[in-house]
Amino acid sequence: MEVLLTAGLVTTILGTASGARNIGTNGAIAVGGYIALAGVWAAPVSGASMNPVRSFAPDLVRGDFSTTWIYIVGPILGALIGVGIESILKGKPTAAGAVAAQGALGVEEATE
C-alpha cells in the first residue's frame, strides 16, 4: 500500500511541478487533494504514511521496529516508480525544454 500511495504522490507532485497552468494554486490543490484522499482511502490499511520519518518516530518512541522496514522500503520504492512513470509520460529532456525551464525562452524577441 505504501508503494502505491507514494508512487501516486510523486507522480502528482512531478506532474504539477511543470507547465504554466499547473504551477501555483492548482498544484497545491492537486497535491493537497491527493494527500487528503489517499489518507481517507488508505489510512485503515497502512496508516497512509507516504513518508519514512513519519512512521519512524512513533516506532522509536514505542521501541518496536518490527514493521519499520515497510515504511522505509515502501516509500523509497514508490518514489522510484513514480519518477519512472513520470519519465515515461514526459519523455526525455530536450534542449528547448532546458532553455524554457531557465526562463530564457523569448528573451531575444523582448530585447530587440
N, C-alpha and C. Protein backbone atom coordinates (compact mmCIF):
# COMPACT_ATOMS: atom_id res chain seq x y z
N MET A 1 0.82 -1.19 0.00
CA MET A 1 0.00 0.00 0.00
C MET A 1 0.88 1.26 0.00
N GLU A 2 1.95 1.24 0.79
CA GLU A 2 2.84 2.41 0.84
C GLU A 2 3.52 2.67 -0.50
N VAL A 3 3.85 1.60 -1.22
CA VAL A 3 4.46 1.76 -2.54
C VAL A 3 3.47 2.45 -3.47
N LEU A 4 2.25 1.99 -3.50
CA LEU A 4 1.22 2.56 -4.36
C LEU A 4 0.93 4.02 -4.01
N LEU A 5 0.78 4.31 -2.73
CA LEU A 5 0.48 5.68 -2.30
C LEU A 5 1.61 6.64 -2.63
N THR A 6 2.84 6.23 -2.38
CA THR A 6 3.98 7.11 -2.65
C THR A 6 4.18 7.30 -4.14
N ALA A 7 3.99 6.26 -4.93
CA ALA A 7 4.11 6.40 -6.39
C ALA A 7 3.09 7.41 -6.90
N GLY A 8 1.87 7.34 -6.41
CA GLY A 8 0.84 8.30 -6.80
C GLY A 8 1.18 9.71 -6.36
N LEU A 9 1.70 9.85 -5.16
CA LEU A 9 2.06 11.17 -4.65
C LEU A 9 3.19 11.80 -5.46
N VAL A 10 4.23 11.03 -5.73
CA VAL A 10 5.36 11.55 -6.51
C VAL A 10 4.92 11.90 -7.92
N THR A 11 4.09 11.07 -8.53
CA THR A 11 3.59 11.36 -9.86
C THR A 11 2.75 12.64 -9.86
N THR A 12 1.95 12.84 -8.85
CA THR A 12 1.15 14.06 -8.74
C THR A 12 2.04 15.28 -8.57
N ILE A 13 3.03 15.19 -7.72
CA ILE A 13 3.95 16.31 -7.49
C ILE A 13 4.72 16.65 -8.75
N LEU A 14 5.29 15.64 -9.40
CA LEU A 14 6.06 15.90 -10.61
C LEU A 14 5.18 16.37 -11.76
N GLY A 15 3.95 15.90 -11.79
CA GLY A 15 3.03 16.32 -12.83
C GLY A 15 2.58 17.76 -12.68
N THR A 16 2.56 18.26 -11.47
CA THR A 16 2.12 19.64 -11.24
C THR A 16 3.31 20.60 -11.07
N ALA A 17 4.51 20.08 -11.17
CA ALA A 17 5.68 20.93 -10.98
C ALA A 17 6.16 21.58 -12.27
N SER A 18 5.46 21.35 -13.36
CA SER A 18 5.86 21.97 -14.62
C SER A 18 4.62 22.37 -15.40
N GLY A 19 4.78 23.32 -16.26
CA GLY A 19 3.66 23.81 -17.05
C GLY A 19 3.05 25.02 -16.41
N ALA A 20 2.80 26.03 -17.20
CA ALA A 20 2.32 27.31 -16.67
C ALA A 20 0.99 27.19 -15.94
N ARG A 21 0.09 26.34 -16.41
CA ARG A 21 -1.22 26.28 -15.76
C ARG A 21 -1.24 25.41 -14.52
N ASN A 22 -0.18 24.65 -14.28
CA ASN A 22 -0.15 23.75 -13.13
C ASN A 22 0.59 24.32 -11.93
N ILE A 23 1.35 25.36 -12.12
CA ILE A 23 2.14 25.91 -11.03
C ILE A 23 1.27 26.83 -10.20
N GLY A 24 1.49 26.84 -8.90
CA GLY A 24 0.76 27.74 -8.01
C GLY A 24 -0.40 27.05 -7.32
N THR A 25 -1.53 27.72 -7.31
CA THR A 25 -2.66 27.21 -6.54
C THR A 25 -3.19 25.89 -7.09
N ASN A 26 -3.16 25.71 -8.41
CA ASN A 26 -3.63 24.45 -8.97
C ASN A 26 -2.76 23.28 -8.51
N GLY A 27 -1.46 23.49 -8.48
CA GLY A 27 -0.55 22.45 -7.99
C GLY A 27 -0.79 22.15 -6.52
N ALA A 28 -1.00 23.18 -5.74
CA ALA A 28 -1.25 23.00 -4.30
C ALA A 28 -2.55 22.24 -4.07
N ILE A 29 -3.57 22.56 -4.84
CA ILE A 29 -4.85 21.87 -4.70
C ILE A 29 -4.70 20.40 -5.11
N ALA A 30 -3.96 20.14 -6.19
CA ALA A 30 -3.78 18.76 -6.65
C ALA A 30 -3.01 17.92 -5.63
N VAL A 31 -1.91 18.45 -5.12
CA VAL A 31 -1.10 17.69 -4.16
C VAL A 31 -1.84 17.53 -2.84
N GLY A 32 -2.40 18.61 -2.34
CA GLY A 32 -3.16 18.54 -1.08
C GLY A 32 -4.37 17.63 -1.20
N GLY A 33 -5.04 17.69 -2.33
CA GLY A 33 -6.19 16.81 -2.55
C GLY A 33 -5.79 15.35 -2.60
N TYR A 34 -4.66 15.07 -3.26
CA TYR A 34 -4.19 13.69 -3.32
C TYR A 34 -3.87 13.17 -1.92
N ILE A 35 -3.17 13.96 -1.14
CA ILE A 35 -2.80 13.53 0.22
C ILE A 35 -4.05 13.29 1.06
N ALA A 36 -5.02 14.19 0.96
CA ALA A 36 -6.26 14.03 1.74
C ALA A 36 -7.02 12.77 1.31
N LEU A 37 -7.19 12.58 0.02
CA LEU A 37 -7.93 11.40 -0.45
C LEU A 37 -7.17 10.11 -0.18
N ALA A 38 -5.85 10.13 -0.33
CA ALA A 38 -5.06 8.93 -0.03
C ALA A 38 -5.16 8.60 1.46
N GLY A 39 -5.17 9.63 2.30
CA GLY A 39 -5.30 9.40 3.73
C GLY A 39 -6.64 8.79 4.10
N VAL A 40 -7.70 9.28 3.49
CA VAL A 40 -9.04 8.74 3.78
C VAL A 40 -9.15 7.31 3.27
N TRP A 41 -8.60 7.08 2.07
CA TRP A 41 -8.74 5.78 1.43
C TRP A 41 -7.85 4.71 2.06
N ALA A 42 -6.62 5.07 2.41
CA ALA A 42 -5.65 4.05 2.82
C ALA A 42 -5.30 4.07 4.31
N ALA A 43 -5.78 5.03 5.06
CA ALA A 43 -5.46 5.07 6.49
C ALA A 43 -5.85 3.79 7.22
N PRO A 44 -7.00 3.21 6.94
CA PRO A 44 -7.33 1.96 7.65
C PRO A 44 -6.42 0.79 7.29
N VAL A 45 -5.79 0.83 6.12
CA VAL A 45 -4.96 -0.29 5.67
C VAL A 45 -3.55 -0.20 6.23
N SER A 46 -2.88 0.97 5.97
CA SER A 46 -1.47 1.06 6.36
C SER A 46 -1.13 2.33 7.13
N GLY A 47 -2.09 3.17 7.38
CA GLY A 47 -1.82 4.42 8.06
C GLY A 47 -1.52 5.55 7.09
N ALA A 48 -1.36 5.24 5.81
CA ALA A 48 -1.11 6.23 4.75
C ALA A 48 0.05 7.16 5.11
N SER A 49 1.18 6.58 5.45
CA SER A 49 2.33 7.36 5.87
C SER A 49 2.93 8.15 4.71
N MET A 50 3.35 7.49 3.64
CA MET A 50 3.98 8.09 2.47
C MET A 50 5.26 8.85 2.81
N ASN A 51 5.78 8.65 4.00
CA ASN A 51 6.97 9.35 4.45
C ASN A 51 7.65 8.49 5.52
N PRO A 52 8.88 8.02 5.28
CA PRO A 52 9.53 7.14 6.25
C PRO A 52 9.69 7.74 7.64
N VAL A 53 9.98 9.02 7.72
CA VAL A 53 10.20 9.65 9.03
C VAL A 53 8.90 9.72 9.83
N ARG A 54 7.80 9.90 9.14
CA ARG A 54 6.50 9.99 9.81
C ARG A 54 6.16 8.68 10.52
N SER A 55 6.64 7.58 10.03
CA SER A 55 6.40 6.29 10.67
C SER A 55 7.52 5.87 11.61
N PHE A 56 8.72 6.38 11.38
CA PHE A 56 9.86 6.00 12.22
C PHE A 56 9.75 6.59 13.62
N ALA A 57 9.30 7.82 13.74
CA ALA A 57 9.23 8.47 15.05
C ALA A 57 8.33 7.72 16.02
N PRO A 58 7.10 7.33 15.64
CA PRO A 58 6.29 6.55 16.60
C PRO A 58 6.93 5.20 16.95
N ASP A 59 7.59 4.57 15.96
CA ASP A 59 8.27 3.30 16.26
C ASP A 59 9.41 3.51 17.24
N LEU A 60 10.11 4.62 17.10
CA LEU A 60 11.21 4.94 18.01
C LEU A 60 10.69 5.16 19.43
N VAL A 61 9.61 5.90 19.56
CA VAL A 61 9.03 6.14 20.89
C VAL A 61 8.51 4.85 21.49
N ARG A 62 7.87 4.03 20.66
CA ARG A 62 7.29 2.78 21.12
C ARG A 62 8.37 1.72 21.38
N GLY A 63 9.51 1.85 20.69
CA GLY A 63 10.59 0.88 20.85
C GLY A 63 10.35 -0.41 20.09
N ASP A 64 9.47 -0.39 19.11
CA ASP A 64 9.15 -1.58 18.32
C ASP A 64 9.45 -1.28 16.85
N PHE A 65 10.48 -1.93 16.32
CA PHE A 65 10.91 -1.69 14.95
C PHE A 65 10.58 -2.87 14.03
N SER A 66 9.63 -3.71 14.41
CA SER A 66 9.34 -4.91 13.62
C SER A 66 8.72 -4.59 12.27
N THR A 67 7.99 -3.49 12.15
CA THR A 67 7.36 -3.13 10.87
C THR A 67 7.96 -1.88 10.24
N THR A 68 9.02 -1.37 10.82
CA THR A 68 9.61 -0.13 10.31
C THR A 68 10.10 -0.28 8.89
N TRP A 69 10.61 -1.43 8.54
CA TRP A 69 11.15 -1.64 7.19
C TRP A 69 10.11 -1.39 6.11
N ILE A 70 8.85 -1.70 6.39
CA ILE A 70 7.78 -1.48 5.41
C ILE A 70 7.66 -0.01 5.07
N TYR A 71 7.77 0.83 6.08
CA TYR A 71 7.60 2.27 5.89
C TYR A 71 8.87 2.97 5.41
N ILE A 72 9.96 2.23 5.32
CA ILE A 72 11.18 2.77 4.72
C ILE A 72 11.30 2.29 3.27
N VAL A 73 11.16 1.00 3.05
CA VAL A 73 11.29 0.43 1.71
C VAL A 73 10.12 0.85 0.81
N GLY A 74 8.92 0.84 1.34
CA GLY A 74 7.73 1.17 0.55
C GLY A 74 7.80 2.55 -0.10
N PRO A 75 8.00 3.63 0.67
CA PRO A 75 8.08 4.95 0.05
C PRO A 75 9.27 5.14 -0.90
N ILE A 76 10.39 4.52 -0.59
CA ILE A 76 11.54 4.64 -1.49
C ILE A 76 11.24 3.96 -2.82
N LEU A 77 10.70 2.76 -2.77
CA LEU A 77 10.33 2.04 -3.99
C LEU A 77 9.22 2.78 -4.73
N GLY A 78 8.25 3.29 -4.00
CA GLY A 78 7.16 4.05 -4.61
C GLY A 78 7.65 5.31 -5.30
N ALA A 79 8.61 5.99 -4.68
CA ALA A 79 9.16 7.20 -5.29
C ALA A 79 9.89 6.87 -6.58
N LEU A 80 10.64 5.78 -6.59
CA LEU A 80 11.33 5.36 -7.82
C LEU A 80 10.34 5.02 -8.92
N ILE A 81 9.28 4.33 -8.57
CA ILE A 81 8.24 4.00 -9.54
C ILE A 81 7.56 5.27 -10.06
N GLY A 82 7.28 6.21 -9.16
CA GLY A 82 6.66 7.47 -9.56
C GLY A 82 7.52 8.26 -10.52
N VAL A 83 8.82 8.31 -10.27
CA VAL A 83 9.74 9.00 -11.18
C VAL A 83 9.79 8.28 -12.52
N GLY A 84 9.78 6.96 -12.50
CA GLY A 84 9.76 6.19 -13.74
C GLY A 84 8.50 6.45 -14.56
N ILE A 85 7.35 6.49 -13.89
CA ILE A 85 6.09 6.78 -14.58
C ILE A 85 6.14 8.17 -15.20
N GLU A 86 6.63 9.12 -14.44
CA GLU A 86 6.68 10.50 -14.95
C GLU A 86 7.65 10.63 -16.11
N SER A 87 8.76 9.91 -16.08
CA SER A 87 9.70 9.98 -17.21
C SER A 87 9.10 9.34 -18.45
N ILE A 88 8.28 8.33 -18.29
CA ILE A 88 7.59 7.73 -19.43
C ILE A 88 6.56 8.70 -19.99
N LEU A 89 5.82 9.38 -19.11
CA LEU A 89 4.79 10.31 -19.56
C LEU A 89 5.36 11.55 -20.23
N LYS A 90 6.46 12.08 -19.73
CA LYS A 90 7.01 13.32 -20.26
C LYS A 90 8.09 13.12 -21.31
N GLY A 91 8.72 11.97 -21.36
CA GLY A 91 9.78 11.72 -22.33
C GLY A 91 11.11 12.28 -21.88
N LYS A 92 12.08 12.17 -22.79
CA LYS A 92 13.43 12.63 -22.48
C LYS A 92 13.50 14.14 -22.53
N PRO A 93 14.37 14.75 -21.70
CA PRO A 93 14.52 16.20 -21.73
C PRO A 93 15.09 16.67 -23.07
N THR A 94 14.69 17.86 -23.48
CA THR A 94 15.20 18.44 -24.72
C THR A 94 15.94 19.73 -24.41
N ALA A 95 16.74 20.19 -25.36
CA ALA A 95 17.47 21.45 -25.19
C ALA A 95 16.50 22.62 -25.08
N ALA A 96 15.44 22.60 -25.88
CA ALA A 96 14.45 23.68 -25.83
C ALA A 96 13.74 23.70 -24.46
N GLY A 97 13.49 22.52 -23.91
CA GLY A 97 12.87 22.45 -22.59
C GLY A 97 13.78 23.00 -21.51
N ALA A 98 15.08 22.74 -21.63
CA ALA A 98 16.03 23.26 -20.64
C ALA A 98 16.09 24.78 -20.71
N VAL A 99 16.07 25.34 -21.91
CA VAL A 99 16.08 26.79 -22.06
C VAL A 99 14.80 27.40 -21.49
N ALA A 100 13.66 26.77 -21.78
CA ALA A 100 12.39 27.27 -21.26
C ALA A 100 12.34 27.19 -19.75
N ALA A 101 12.91 26.14 -19.17
CA ALA A 101 12.92 25.99 -17.72
C ALA A 101 13.72 27.08 -17.03
N GLN A 102 14.71 27.62 -17.73
CA GLN A 102 15.53 28.70 -17.17
C GLN A 102 14.87 30.06 -17.34
N GLY A 103 13.73 30.10 -18.03
CA GLY A 103 13.03 31.36 -18.22
C GLY A 103 13.63 32.21 -19.30
N ALA A 104 14.44 31.63 -20.18
CA ALA A 104 15.12 32.41 -21.20
C ALA A 104 14.42 32.34 -22.55
N LEU A 105 13.33 31.62 -22.66
CA LEU A 105 12.64 31.48 -23.91
C LEU A 105 11.97 32.80 -24.29
N GLY A 106 12.27 33.32 -25.43
CA GLY A 106 11.67 34.56 -25.89
C GLY A 106 12.42 35.81 -25.46
N VAL A 107 13.58 35.68 -24.83
CA VAL A 107 14.34 36.84 -24.37
C VAL A 107 14.85 37.64 -25.57
N GLU A 108 15.24 36.94 -26.63
CA GLU A 108 15.77 37.62 -27.81
C GLU A 108 14.74 38.57 -28.39
N GLU A 109 13.48 38.14 -28.46
CA GLU A 109 12.44 38.99 -29.03
C GLU A 109 12.16 40.19 -28.15
N ALA A 110 12.26 40.03 -26.85
CA ALA A 110 11.96 41.12 -25.91
C ALA A 110 13.02 42.21 -25.94
N THR A 111 14.27 41.86 -26.25
CA THR A 111 15.34 42.85 -26.23
C THR A 111 15.51 43.56 -27.56
N GLU A 112 14.88 43.05 -28.62
CA GLU A 112 15.03 43.68 -29.94
C GLU A 112 14.11 44.84 -30.14
